[in-house]
Protein backbone atom coordinates (compact mmCIF):
# COMPACT_ATOMS: atom_id res chain seq x y z
CA MET A 1 1.74 1.36 48.75
CA SER A 2 -1.77 2.27 47.61
CA SER A 3 -2.70 2.43 43.94
CA PRO A 4 -2.97 5.88 42.32
CA VAL A 5 -6.07 4.68 40.45
CA LEU A 6 -9.19 6.50 41.70
CA TRP A 7 -12.65 4.90 41.57
CA LEU A 8 -15.87 6.76 40.85
CA GLY A 9 -17.56 7.51 44.17
CA GLU A 10 -14.30 8.03 46.09
CA SER A 11 -13.87 11.55 47.46
CA ALA A 12 -10.54 12.09 45.66
CA CYS A 13 -12.20 11.18 42.35
CA SER A 14 -14.57 14.12 42.82
CA ASP A 15 -11.64 16.56 42.62
CA SER A 16 -11.61 18.09 39.13
CA THR A 17 -8.00 19.26 39.60
CA LEU A 18 -7.01 15.57 39.70
CA VAL A 19 -9.38 13.89 37.26
CA GLY A 20 -11.01 16.66 35.19
CA GLY A 21 -14.60 17.86 35.17
CA LYS A 22 -16.08 14.88 33.32
CA ALA A 23 -14.88 12.25 35.81
CA ALA A 24 -15.31 14.51 38.86
CA ASN A 25 -18.95 15.26 38.04
CA LEU A 26 -19.76 11.57 37.57
CA SER A 27 -17.93 10.65 40.76
CA ARG A 28 -19.99 13.16 42.77
CA LEU A 29 -23.19 11.71 41.28
CA ALA A 30 -22.31 8.02 41.47
CA ALA A 31 -23.89 7.54 44.90
CA THR A 32 -27.29 8.96 43.93
CA HIS A 33 -27.62 8.13 40.22
CA ARG A 34 -27.19 5.09 38.00
CA VAL A 35 -23.62 5.80 36.89
CA PRO A 36 -21.70 2.84 35.37
CA PRO A 37 -18.82 1.85 37.68
CA GLY A 38 -15.42 3.12 36.64
CA PHE A 39 -11.94 4.17 37.59
CA CYS A 40 -9.84 7.17 36.67
CA LEU A 41 -6.16 7.67 35.94
CA PRO A 42 -5.28 11.10 37.40
CA ALA A 43 -3.60 13.60 35.10
CA HIS A 44 -0.57 14.41 37.24
CA VAL A 45 0.36 10.84 38.17
CA GLN A 46 2.18 8.20 36.15
CA VAL A 47 -0.02 5.13 36.61
CA SER A 48 1.80 1.84 36.10
CA ASP A 49 0.56 -0.88 33.75
CA ALA A 50 0.28 -3.22 36.80
CA ASP A 51 -2.12 -0.76 38.51
CA ILE A 52 -4.23 -0.45 35.34
CA ASP A 53 -4.24 -4.23 34.93
CA ALA A 54 -5.34 -4.70 38.56
CA ALA A 55 -8.22 -2.20 38.17
CA TYR A 56 -9.40 -3.89 34.98
CA HIS A 57 -9.19 -7.24 36.78
CA GLU A 58 -11.62 -5.85 39.38
CA PHE A 59 -14.08 -5.20 36.54
CA SER A 60 -13.56 -8.77 35.39
CA VAL A 61 -14.28 -10.17 38.83
CA SER A 62 -17.34 -8.01 39.46
CA SER A 63 -18.87 -8.72 36.04
CA GLY A 64 -17.89 -12.39 35.81
CA VAL A 65 -16.52 -11.75 32.30
CA ALA A 66 -12.90 -12.47 31.39
CA ASP A 67 -12.46 -9.38 29.20
CA PRO A 68 -15.33 -7.03 30.08
CA ALA A 69 -16.27 -4.30 27.62
CA VAL A 70 -15.39 -0.80 28.80
CA ALA A 71 -15.64 2.77 27.57
CA VAL A 72 -12.38 4.74 27.72
CA ARG A 73 -13.00 8.49 27.89
CA SER A 74 -10.76 11.53 27.97
CA SER A 75 -11.25 13.88 30.93
CA ALA A 76 -9.14 17.00 30.54
CA LEU A 77 -8.58 19.02 33.71
CA ASP A 78 -10.37 22.06 32.28
CA GLU A 79 -13.08 20.05 30.50
CA ASP A 80 -16.81 20.24 31.24
CA GLY A 81 -16.49 23.54 33.07
CA ALA A 82 -18.74 26.57 32.88
CA ALA A 83 -16.53 28.31 30.31
CA ALA A 84 -15.66 25.46 27.93
CA SER A 85 -17.15 21.99 27.55
CA PHE A 86 -14.58 20.58 25.07
CA ALA A 87 -17.44 18.49 23.67
CA GLY A 88 -16.10 16.28 20.88
CA GLN A 89 -12.56 17.65 21.12
CA HIS A 90 -10.92 14.67 22.82
CA GLU A 91 -11.03 10.94 22.20
CA THR A 92 -13.54 8.37 23.44
CA PHE A 93 -13.30 4.65 22.71
CA LEU A 94 -16.27 2.32 23.21
CA ASN A 95 -16.36 -1.47 23.50
CA VAL A 96 -12.71 -1.80 24.48
CA ARG A 97 -11.96 -5.39 25.57
CA GLY A 98 -8.79 -6.92 26.99
CA LEU A 99 -5.60 -5.37 28.29
CA THR A 100 -3.97 -4.77 24.90
CA GLU A 101 -6.94 -2.75 23.63
CA LEU A 102 -7.27 -0.99 26.99
CA HIS A 103 -3.67 0.24 27.11
CA ALA A 104 -3.84 1.43 23.50
CA ALA A 105 -7.08 3.35 24.13
CA ILE A 106 -5.69 4.98 27.27
CA GLN A 107 -2.59 6.12 25.40
CA ARG A 108 -4.64 7.60 22.56
CA CYS A 109 -6.87 9.46 25.04
CA GLN A 110 -3.82 10.91 26.76
CA GLU A 111 -2.34 11.98 23.42
CA SER A 112 -5.59 13.62 22.31
CA VAL A 113 -4.96 16.54 24.69
CA ARG A 114 -2.39 17.70 22.11
CA ALA A 115 -4.56 17.06 19.05
CA PRO A 116 -4.64 20.05 16.64
CA ARG A 117 -8.41 20.52 16.96
CA ALA A 118 -8.22 20.48 20.77
CA LEU A 119 -5.35 22.99 20.80
CA ALA A 120 -7.24 25.25 18.38
CA TYR A 121 -10.32 25.03 20.64
CA ARG A 122 -8.14 26.10 23.57
CA ARG A 123 -6.70 29.07 21.70
CA GLU A 124 -10.18 30.25 20.72
CA ARG A 125 -11.16 30.34 24.40
CA GLY A 126 -7.97 31.91 25.70
CA LEU A 127 -6.65 28.70 27.25
CA THR A 128 -2.96 27.93 26.88
CA ALA A 129 -1.58 24.68 25.53
CA SER A 130 0.95 24.48 28.35
CA ASP A 131 -1.92 24.12 30.85
CA ALA A 132 -3.39 21.10 29.04
CA ARG A 133 -3.55 18.03 31.29
CA MET A 134 -5.46 14.84 30.60
CA ALA A 135 -6.95 12.30 32.97
CA VAL A 136 -8.57 9.15 31.59
CA LEU A 137 -11.84 7.57 32.73
CA VAL A 138 -12.50 3.85 32.23
CA GLN A 139 -16.10 2.71 32.76
CA GLN A 140 -18.10 -0.42 32.24
CA LEU A 141 -19.78 -0.12 28.84
CA VAL A 142 -23.54 0.23 28.71
CA LEU A 143 -24.60 -1.82 25.68
CA ALA A 144 -27.37 0.63 24.94
CA GLU A 145 -30.56 -0.11 23.08
CA ALA A 146 -31.00 3.67 22.83
CA SER A 147 -28.94 6.71 23.79
CA GLY A 148 -29.69 10.36 24.22
CA VAL A 149 -28.65 13.87 25.08
CA LEU A 150 -30.74 15.93 27.50
CA PHE A 151 -30.71 19.63 28.25
CA SER A 152 -32.43 20.85 31.40
CA ALA A 153 -33.03 24.19 29.65
CA ASN A 154 -33.95 24.78 26.01
CA PRO A 155 -30.61 25.36 24.23
CA MET A 156 -32.31 26.95 21.22
CA THR A 157 -34.57 29.48 22.95
CA GLY A 158 -32.94 29.72 26.36
CA ALA A 159 -36.23 28.87 28.09
CA ARG A 160 -35.35 27.57 31.57
CA GLY A 161 -38.80 26.06 32.00
CA GLU A 162 -38.30 23.54 29.19
CA ALA A 163 -36.10 20.48 28.88
CA VAL A 164 -35.06 19.14 25.47
CA VAL A 165 -34.29 15.48 24.81
CA THR A 166 -32.78 13.93 21.67
CA ILE A 167 -32.69 10.12 21.48
CA SER A 168 -31.87 7.46 18.90
CA TRP A 169 -31.14 3.76 18.65
CA GLY A 170 -27.87 2.16 19.75
CA LEU A 171 -24.79 3.68 21.33
CA GLY A 172 -24.51 7.43 21.64
CA GLU A 173 -21.90 8.09 18.95
CA SER A 174 -24.51 8.53 16.20
CA VAL A 175 -26.44 11.11 18.27
CA VAL A 176 -23.39 13.03 19.49
CA GLY A 177 -21.71 12.84 16.08
CA GLY A 178 -24.76 14.19 14.27
CA THR A 179 -25.03 11.35 11.74
CA VAL A 180 -28.65 10.56 12.61
CA SER A 181 -31.89 12.54 12.84
CA PRO A 182 -32.94 11.62 16.39
CA ASP A 183 -36.29 11.71 18.14
CA THR A 184 -36.64 15.14 19.73
CA TYR A 185 -38.88 15.99 22.67
CA VAL A 186 -39.57 19.29 24.39
CA VAL A 187 -40.86 18.77 27.92
CA ARG A 188 -42.35 21.40 30.24
CA LYS A 189 -40.53 20.96 33.53
CA ALA A 190 -43.32 22.32 35.75
CA ASP A 191 -45.70 19.43 35.06
CA LEU A 192 -43.51 17.03 33.01
CA SER A 193 -45.79 17.26 29.98
CA ILE A 194 -44.46 16.69 26.48
CA VAL A 195 -45.23 19.92 24.59
CA ALA A 196 -43.52 18.97 21.31
CA CYS A 197 -42.36 15.68 19.82
CA GLN A 198 -40.71 14.93 16.50
CA ILE A 199 -39.88 11.30 15.72
CA GLY A 200 -36.82 11.30 13.49
CA ALA A 201 -36.21 9.04 10.50
CA LYS A 202 -33.39 7.14 12.17
CA PHE A 203 -31.45 5.46 9.36
CA LEU A 204 -28.17 4.78 11.19
CA MET A 205 -27.18 3.42 14.61
CA THR A 206 -23.87 2.70 16.33
CA VAL A 207 -23.46 -0.82 17.74
CA ALA A 208 -20.70 -2.74 19.48
CA VAL A 209 -18.71 -5.09 17.22
CA GLN A 210 -15.48 -7.01 17.57
CA GLY A 211 -12.70 -4.46 18.05
CA GLY A 212 -14.89 -1.45 18.79
CA THR A 213 -18.04 -0.01 17.24
CA LYS A 214 -19.65 0.23 13.84
CA GLU A 215 -22.39 2.36 12.34
CA ILE A 216 -25.02 0.18 10.68
CA ASP A 217 -28.44 0.62 9.09
CA VAL A 218 -31.41 0.71 11.46
CA PRO A 219 -33.90 -2.10 10.64
CA GLU A 220 -36.61 -0.63 8.45
CA GLN A 221 -39.41 -1.33 10.95
CA ASP A 222 -37.61 0.70 13.64
CA ARG A 223 -36.65 3.81 11.65
CA ASN A 224 -39.82 5.77 12.31
CA ARG A 225 -40.61 4.16 15.66
CA PRO A 226 -39.84 6.04 18.90
CA SER A 227 -36.56 4.80 20.37
CA VAL A 228 -37.91 5.10 23.95
CA SER A 229 -41.39 5.31 25.44
CA ASP A 230 -42.90 8.59 26.60
CA ALA A 231 -42.53 7.35 30.18
CA GLN A 232 -38.82 6.68 29.69
CA CYS A 233 -38.36 10.15 28.22
CA ILE A 234 -40.16 11.76 31.19
CA ASP A 235 -38.06 9.73 33.65
CA ALA A 236 -34.91 11.03 31.95
CA VAL A 237 -36.16 14.62 32.20
CA ARG A 238 -36.95 14.05 35.87
CA MET A 239 -33.31 12.97 36.29
CA ALA A 240 -32.08 16.08 34.46
CA ILE A 241 -34.16 18.33 36.73
CA THR A 242 -32.68 16.63 39.80
CA LEU A 243 -29.18 17.00 38.36
CA GLU A 244 -29.77 20.70 37.72
CA ASP A 245 -30.79 21.13 41.36
CA GLU A 246 -27.81 19.13 42.63
CA MET A 247 -25.19 20.78 40.44
CA GLY A 248 -26.56 24.30 40.64
CA TRP A 249 -26.59 25.00 36.91
CA PRO A 250 -28.53 23.96 33.76
CA VAL A 251 -27.15 20.60 32.67
CA ASP A 252 -26.15 18.94 29.41
CA VAL A 253 -26.52 15.21 30.04
CA GLU A 254 -25.62 12.09 28.08
CA CYS A 255 -27.51 8.93 28.99
CA ALA A 256 -28.18 5.44 27.69
CA TRP A 257 -30.94 2.87 28.10
CA GLN A 258 -30.16 -0.81 28.60
CA TYR A 259 -32.91 -3.29 29.46
CA GLY A 260 -35.19 -0.28 29.96
CA ARG A 261 -32.95 1.31 32.61
CA CYS A 262 -31.49 4.79 32.13
CA TYR A 263 -27.79 5.23 32.90
CA LEU A 264 -26.05 8.55 33.43
CA LEU A 265 -22.91 8.80 31.25
CA GLN A 266 -22.02 12.49 31.45
CA CYS A 267 -23.19 15.66 33.15
CA ARG A 268 -21.80 19.08 32.33
CA PRO A 269 -22.96 22.70 32.28
CA ILE A 270 -24.73 24.06 29.21
CA THR A 271 -22.11 26.55 28.03
CA THR A 272 -24.03 28.15 25.13
CA LEU A 273 -27.42 29.02 26.61
CA PRO A 274 -29.25 32.09 25.24
CA ASN A 275 -30.48 34.51 27.88
CA ALA A 276 -34.23 34.13 28.15
CA SER A 277 -36.68 34.73 30.97
CA GLY A 278 -37.57 31.13 30.38
CA LYS A 279 -40.79 30.16 32.14
CA HIS A 280 -42.43 29.44 28.77
């Protein structure tokens, strides 16, 4: 009997009715973009501990590490859609190592579909609690030197001709959580020129530590230094433009740089984009 676990890149893992928008979008893009390998536990299926253990063992074999670090992410069935992104509403756990930590993180992700803040978010958007279903995505962790969020349209002005990039040191939690003033770039998509750049005073960064992650002080010499090069920023924008073309809508992208390489961690529609003619 085949395992119910679905791997990124498999056709079934691209079905958002099984694995949610977050995992489905990444699965569709895994063949053409640098997406960390991962597997998904579908929302409607009870996945046994033996199947989870076997999938994690595959990570161990492929990485050559006994207890490889993974990211465990919630992927609600109605998440990352055009109407509601659910950004920040459900749980994510980074630097999870070993089966005990993995099972605990999966359980907490599954339970987060009923968290009060997530249910309130649903009510505000006319979604019913009874429809809430949660898949869980487990991916190899990118031990990022820098992480960022990209928009293939300007989320402040609505200009479709501009991409906006925010980047800071370490794992992405500090950027997404708003605890750091990141580097911010505005890039004109037509010719990939940087039209505005503000280097943030980056005092905090999230790093992997035993048992998870921790926010620490950025070394003083790095606080006012760009967290990526201009070329790396432009490459990321180039990726966002390609994603916008492939997906058919302006994209909100999370990415991370490790050893200078940019990895795609999430791709969803921009759900709060002002209406602007947008060639400026």
